[in-house]
Amino acid sequence: MTKTNQRAVSKAKTLIVFVLTIFIGYLLFILPDVYFGVTKINGGKTGINLHYMAVFQFVTITFLLYISLKLLKKDFRYIGLKFKNLKHDILFGLLFGGIWTGLQFLIIIPNTGGAQRADIIGMLSMYDGSLLGTISFLSLGIIGGGITEELFNRGYFINILKDVFKNERVGLWFSALLSILLFSMGHLPTNGLEWFDILVPTIMYTLLFLKTKRLTASIVAHGFYNMAAILLTYYLYYN
């Protein structure tokens, strides 16, 4: 997109489109969770339903972002979906995702309740013991979490909201901090430990995005941690 096209959209329109997109996006993330959680259809939030949730979130959110970006005369590259320095970004993401996985499963989780932790109990309720169920859980963690959440909560949220500010640098950091807060609150932490467990990786994903100006590293870090957490929780705590 050229600078001329970007300037053609007023800050007022950008803000309106942004707010509507974020509101609708949150509803789309919540909808499948509520649907399967309330109806309990086909077992509820377990098994193949987890894959359906991931696909629904990915398809609806990416379509929403596509429409929103078209209205703002931008595209997915503007929010960081670029594949320059791909190898570097993948290695960077794997490094930080691996470090956080190690800290969680070697130190933090075993010393803060293990299988009795609320998050572990919640994850255990989503396994059905089958290979298909585990693959579906991985789909939710990688596609619904690692990819879709990064596109929405990091790329779109930060890069579009900053355009509303006169000072781009101030806008960038304000948008980044607000995205960290809202993303963390969206995971409904109820105590200091839960805030720590969500804030640390959220800050890490955000810094990776800001450092590289691309989504690749944060997607890899987020997706790798989700994948590792699902597999390790199954191996260590599922009976």
Protein backbone atom coordinates (compact mmCIF):
# COMPACT_ATOMS: atom_id res chain seq x y z
CA MET A 1 0.00 0.00 0.00
CA THR A 2 1.25 3.47 -0.79
CA LYS A 3 1.46 6.29 1.70
CA THR A 4 -1.12 8.16 -0.34
CA ASN A 5 -3.67 5.36 0.09
CA GLN A 6 -2.91 5.12 3.79
CA ARG A 7 -3.47 8.88 4.25
CA ALA A 8 -6.79 8.68 2.40
CA VAL A 9 -8.43 7.13 5.47
CA SER A 10 -9.14 9.60 8.26
CA LYS A 11 -8.22 8.89 11.87
CA ALA A 12 -11.91 9.05 12.80
CA LYS A 13 -12.83 6.36 10.28
CA THR A 14 -9.83 4.28 11.35
CA LEU A 15 -10.95 4.41 14.97
CA ILE A 16 -14.56 3.49 14.15
CA VAL A 17 -13.54 0.57 11.95
CA PHE A 18 -11.00 -0.56 14.55
CA VAL A 19 -13.49 -0.53 17.45
CA LEU A 20 -16.13 -2.39 15.45
CA THR A 21 -13.59 -4.96 14.25
CA ILE A 22 -12.28 -5.62 17.75
CA PHE A 23 -15.81 -5.92 19.18
CA ILE A 24 -16.97 -8.32 16.46
CA GLY A 25 -13.69 -10.23 16.68
CA TYR A 26 -14.05 -10.87 20.40
CA LEU A 27 -17.58 -12.14 19.79
CA LEU A 28 -16.31 -14.52 17.11
CA PHE A 29 -13.63 -15.87 19.44
CA ILE A 30 -16.15 -16.42 22.22
CA LEU A 31 -19.02 -17.82 20.14
CA PRO A 32 -17.75 -21.40 19.52
CA ASP A 33 -16.52 -21.68 23.10
CA VAL A 34 -19.95 -20.71 24.42
CA TYR A 35 -21.78 -22.85 21.85
CA PHE A 36 -19.98 -26.08 22.66
CA GLY A 37 -19.72 -25.25 26.35
CA VAL A 38 -23.46 -24.64 26.73
CA THR A 39 -24.97 -27.14 24.29
CA LYS A 40 -22.51 -29.96 25.11
CA ILE A 41 -23.25 -31.20 21.60
CA ASN A 42 -21.01 -34.09 20.54
CA GLY A 43 -19.30 -34.02 23.96
CA GLY A 44 -18.87 -30.26 24.30
CA LYS A 45 -15.38 -28.72 24.37
CA THR A 46 -13.48 -31.90 23.64
CA GLY A 47 -12.49 -34.19 20.78
CA ILE A 48 -13.15 -33.14 17.20
CA ASN A 49 -15.14 -30.14 18.40
CA LEU A 50 -11.86 -28.44 19.33
CA HIS A 51 -10.83 -28.59 15.68
CA TYR A 52 -14.18 -27.14 14.63
CA MET A 53 -13.62 -24.29 17.09
CA ALA A 54 -10.16 -23.61 15.63
CA VAL A 55 -11.40 -23.60 12.03
CA PHE A 56 -14.37 -21.36 12.89
CA GLN A 57 -12.12 -18.84 14.64
CA PHE A 58 -9.52 -18.82 11.88
CA VAL A 59 -11.98 -18.49 8.98
CA THR A 60 -14.25 -15.89 10.57
CA ILE A 61 -11.50 -13.77 12.10
CA THR A 62 -9.32 -13.69 8.98
CA PHE A 63 -12.38 -12.78 6.87
CA LEU A 64 -13.26 -10.04 9.35
CA LEU A 65 -9.72 -8.67 9.19
CA TYR A 66 -9.74 -8.83 5.40
CA ILE A 67 -12.93 -6.73 5.24
CA SER A 68 -11.65 -4.31 7.88
CA LEU A 69 -8.31 -3.84 6.14
CA LYS A 70 -10.04 -3.28 2.79
CA LEU A 71 -12.12 -0.53 4.39
CA LEU A 72 -8.90 1.03 5.66
CA LYS A 73 -7.16 0.62 2.27
CA LYS A 74 -4.57 -1.74 3.74
CA ASP A 75 -3.73 -5.42 3.50
CA PHE A 76 -2.32 -8.21 5.67
CA ARG A 77 1.25 -7.13 4.98
CA TYR A 78 0.50 -3.87 6.75
CA ILE A 79 -0.24 -5.73 9.98
CA GLY A 80 2.95 -7.77 9.80
CA LEU A 81 2.07 -10.83 7.73
CA LYS A 82 5.34 -10.86 5.82
CA PHE A 83 7.72 -13.71 5.12
CA LYS A 84 11.00 -11.83 4.90
CA ASN A 85 13.81 -13.38 7.01
CA LEU A 86 11.57 -16.40 7.57
CA LYS A 87 14.32 -18.70 8.85
CA HIS A 88 15.51 -16.08 11.35
CA ASP A 89 11.98 -15.46 12.62
CA ILE A 90 11.22 -19.17 12.99
CA LEU A 91 14.40 -19.78 14.98
CA PHE A 92 13.73 -16.70 17.10
CA GLY A 93 10.18 -17.90 17.81
CA LEU A 94 11.28 -21.45 18.63
CA LEU A 95 13.96 -20.15 20.99
CA PHE A 96 11.63 -17.97 23.05
CA GLY A 97 8.75 -20.43 22.88
CA GLY A 98 11.09 -23.18 24.06
CA ILE A 99 12.45 -21.12 26.94
CA TRP A 100 8.96 -20.34 28.23
CA THR A 101 7.90 -23.98 27.84
CA GLY A 102 10.92 -25.10 29.87
CA LEU A 103 10.29 -22.58 32.63
CA GLN A 104 6.63 -23.57 32.87
CA PHE A 105 6.91 -27.35 32.84
CA LEU A 106 10.24 -27.79 34.60
CA ILE A 107 9.91 -25.13 37.31
CA ILE A 108 6.67 -23.17 37.59
CA ILE A 109 3.89 -25.75 37.13
CA PRO A 110 5.48 -28.53 39.24
CA ASN A 111 6.03 -26.07 42.12
CA THR A 112 2.62 -24.38 42.00
CA GLY A 113 0.22 -27.31 42.19
CA GLY A 114 0.92 -29.45 39.14
CA ALA A 115 -2.21 -31.38 38.20
CA GLN A 116 -4.20 -29.44 40.82
CA ARG A 117 -3.71 -26.08 39.07
CA ALA A 118 -6.90 -24.61 37.63
CA ASP A 119 -5.41 -24.24 34.14
CA ILE A 120 -4.17 -27.83 34.08
CA ILE A 121 -7.54 -29.09 35.31
CA GLY A 122 -9.21 -27.07 32.56
CA MET A 123 -6.92 -28.53 29.91
CA LEU A 124 -7.39 -32.08 31.20
CA SER A 125 -11.16 -31.72 30.77
CA MET A 126 -10.61 -31.11 27.05
CA TYR A 127 -8.79 -34.38 26.30
CA ASP A 128 -10.78 -37.44 25.31
CA GLY A 129 -7.83 -39.84 25.23
CA SER A 130 -7.99 -40.43 21.47
CA LEU A 131 -5.44 -39.56 18.81
CA LEU A 132 -8.07 -37.55 16.89
CA GLY A 133 -8.98 -35.65 20.04
CA THR A 134 -5.35 -34.78 20.75
CA ILE A 135 -4.77 -33.65 17.15
CA SER A 136 -7.93 -31.53 17.40
CA PHE A 137 -6.64 -29.95 20.62
CA LEU A 138 -3.38 -29.18 18.84
CA SER A 139 -5.39 -27.59 16.03
CA LEU A 140 -7.11 -25.31 18.54
CA GLY A 141 -3.79 -24.38 20.16
CA ILE A 142 -1.87 -23.76 16.95
CA ILE A 143 -4.50 -22.50 14.49
CA GLY A 144 -6.97 -20.91 16.90
CA GLY A 145 -4.27 -19.66 19.27
CA GLY A 146 -0.88 -19.33 17.63
CA ILE A 147 -2.05 -18.05 14.25
CA THR A 148 -5.47 -16.44 14.67
CA GLU A 149 -4.81 -14.74 18.02
CA GLU A 150 -1.54 -13.27 16.75
CA LEU A 151 -3.15 -11.90 13.59
CA PHE A 152 -5.94 -10.31 15.61
CA ASN A 153 -4.41 -9.36 18.98
CA ARG A 154 -0.92 -8.44 17.84
CA GLY A 155 -0.81 -7.57 14.16
CA TYR A 156 -4.18 -5.91 13.62
CA PHE A 157 -4.70 -4.45 17.09
CA ILE A 158 -1.30 -2.77 17.41
CA ASN A 159 -0.66 -1.64 13.84
CA ILE A 160 -4.15 -0.26 13.22
CA LEU A 161 -4.73 1.43 16.59
CA LYS A 162 -1.39 3.25 16.37
CA ASP A 163 -2.63 4.98 13.21
CA VAL A 164 -5.18 6.87 15.29
CA PHE A 165 -2.40 8.75 17.11
CA LYS A 166 -0.66 11.85 15.82
CA ASN A 167 2.66 10.62 17.25
CA GLU A 168 3.23 7.17 15.74
CA ARG A 169 5.77 6.10 18.38
CA VAL A 170 3.42 7.02 21.24
CA GLY A 171 0.61 5.25 19.40
CA LEU A 172 2.69 2.13 18.88
CA TRP A 173 3.60 1.71 22.54
CA PHE A 174 0.13 2.65 23.79
CA SER A 175 -1.40 0.11 21.39
CA ALA A 176 1.10 -2.55 22.42
CA LEU A 177 0.46 -2.05 26.13
CA LEU A 178 -3.32 -2.03 25.64
CA SER A 179 -3.16 -5.20 23.55
CA ILE A 180 -1.14 -6.91 26.30
CA LEU A 181 -3.68 -5.88 28.93
CA LEU A 182 -6.79 -6.85 26.97
CA PHE A 183 -5.32 -10.14 25.73
CA SER A 184 -4.33 -11.07 29.28
CA MET A 185 -7.72 -10.06 30.69
CA GLY A 186 -9.38 -12.17 28.01
CA HIS A 187 -7.85 -15.27 29.61
CA LEU A 188 -9.70 -14.40 32.85
CA PRO A 189 -6.81 -14.58 35.37
CA THR A 190 -8.08 -14.62 38.97
CA ASN A 191 -4.88 -14.44 41.03
CA GLY A 192 -1.26 -13.33 40.91
CA LEU A 193 0.05 -16.60 39.54
CA GLU A 194 -2.46 -16.68 36.70
CA TRP A 195 -1.63 -13.05 35.83
CA PHE A 196 2.07 -13.96 35.77
CA ASP A 197 1.45 -17.03 33.59
CA ILE A 198 -0.39 -15.02 30.94
CA LEU A 199 1.46 -11.69 31.15
CA VAL A 200 4.95 -13.12 30.63
CA PRO A 201 4.26 -14.90 27.32
CA THR A 202 1.98 -12.09 26.13
CA ILE A 203 4.76 -9.55 26.67
CA MET A 204 7.19 -11.93 24.96
CA TYR A 205 4.97 -12.33 21.87
CA THR A 206 4.44 -8.57 21.70
CA LEU A 207 8.16 -7.77 21.96
CA LEU A 208 8.93 -10.32 19.24
CA PHE A 209 6.39 -8.60 17.01
CA LEU A 210 7.68 -5.11 17.76
CA LYS A 211 11.31 -6.17 17.35
CA THR A 212 10.90 -7.91 13.98
CA LYS A 213 7.94 -5.82 12.69
CA ARG A 214 6.57 -9.15 11.46
CA LEU A 215 4.17 -11.71 12.88
CA THR A 216 6.19 -14.80 12.03
CA ALA A 217 8.28 -14.98 15.21
CA SER A 218 5.34 -14.35 17.55
CA ILE A 219 3.17 -16.88 15.70
CA VAL A 220 5.89 -19.52 15.96
CA ALA A 221 6.57 -18.77 19.65
CA HIS A 222 2.86 -18.78 20.53
CA GLY A 223 2.06 -21.85 18.45
CA PHE A 224 5.08 -23.79 19.73
CA TYR A 225 4.26 -23.10 23.36
CA ASN A 226 0.60 -24.07 22.90
CA MET A 227 1.61 -27.26 21.11
CA ALA A 228 4.20 -28.17 23.75
CA ALA A 229 1.81 -27.38 26.61
CA ILE A 230 -0.91 -29.61 25.14
CA LEU A 231 1.48 -32.54 24.56
CA LEU A 232 3.31 -32.20 27.88
CA THR A 233 0.12 -31.83 29.90
CA TYR A 234 -1.23 -34.97 28.26
CA TYR A 235 1.98 -36.89 28.90
CA LEU A 236 2.56 -35.69 32.47
CA TYR A 237 -0.93 -35.36 33.91
CA TYR A 238 -3.57 -37.14 31.82
CA ASN A 239 -4.57 -40.56 33.17
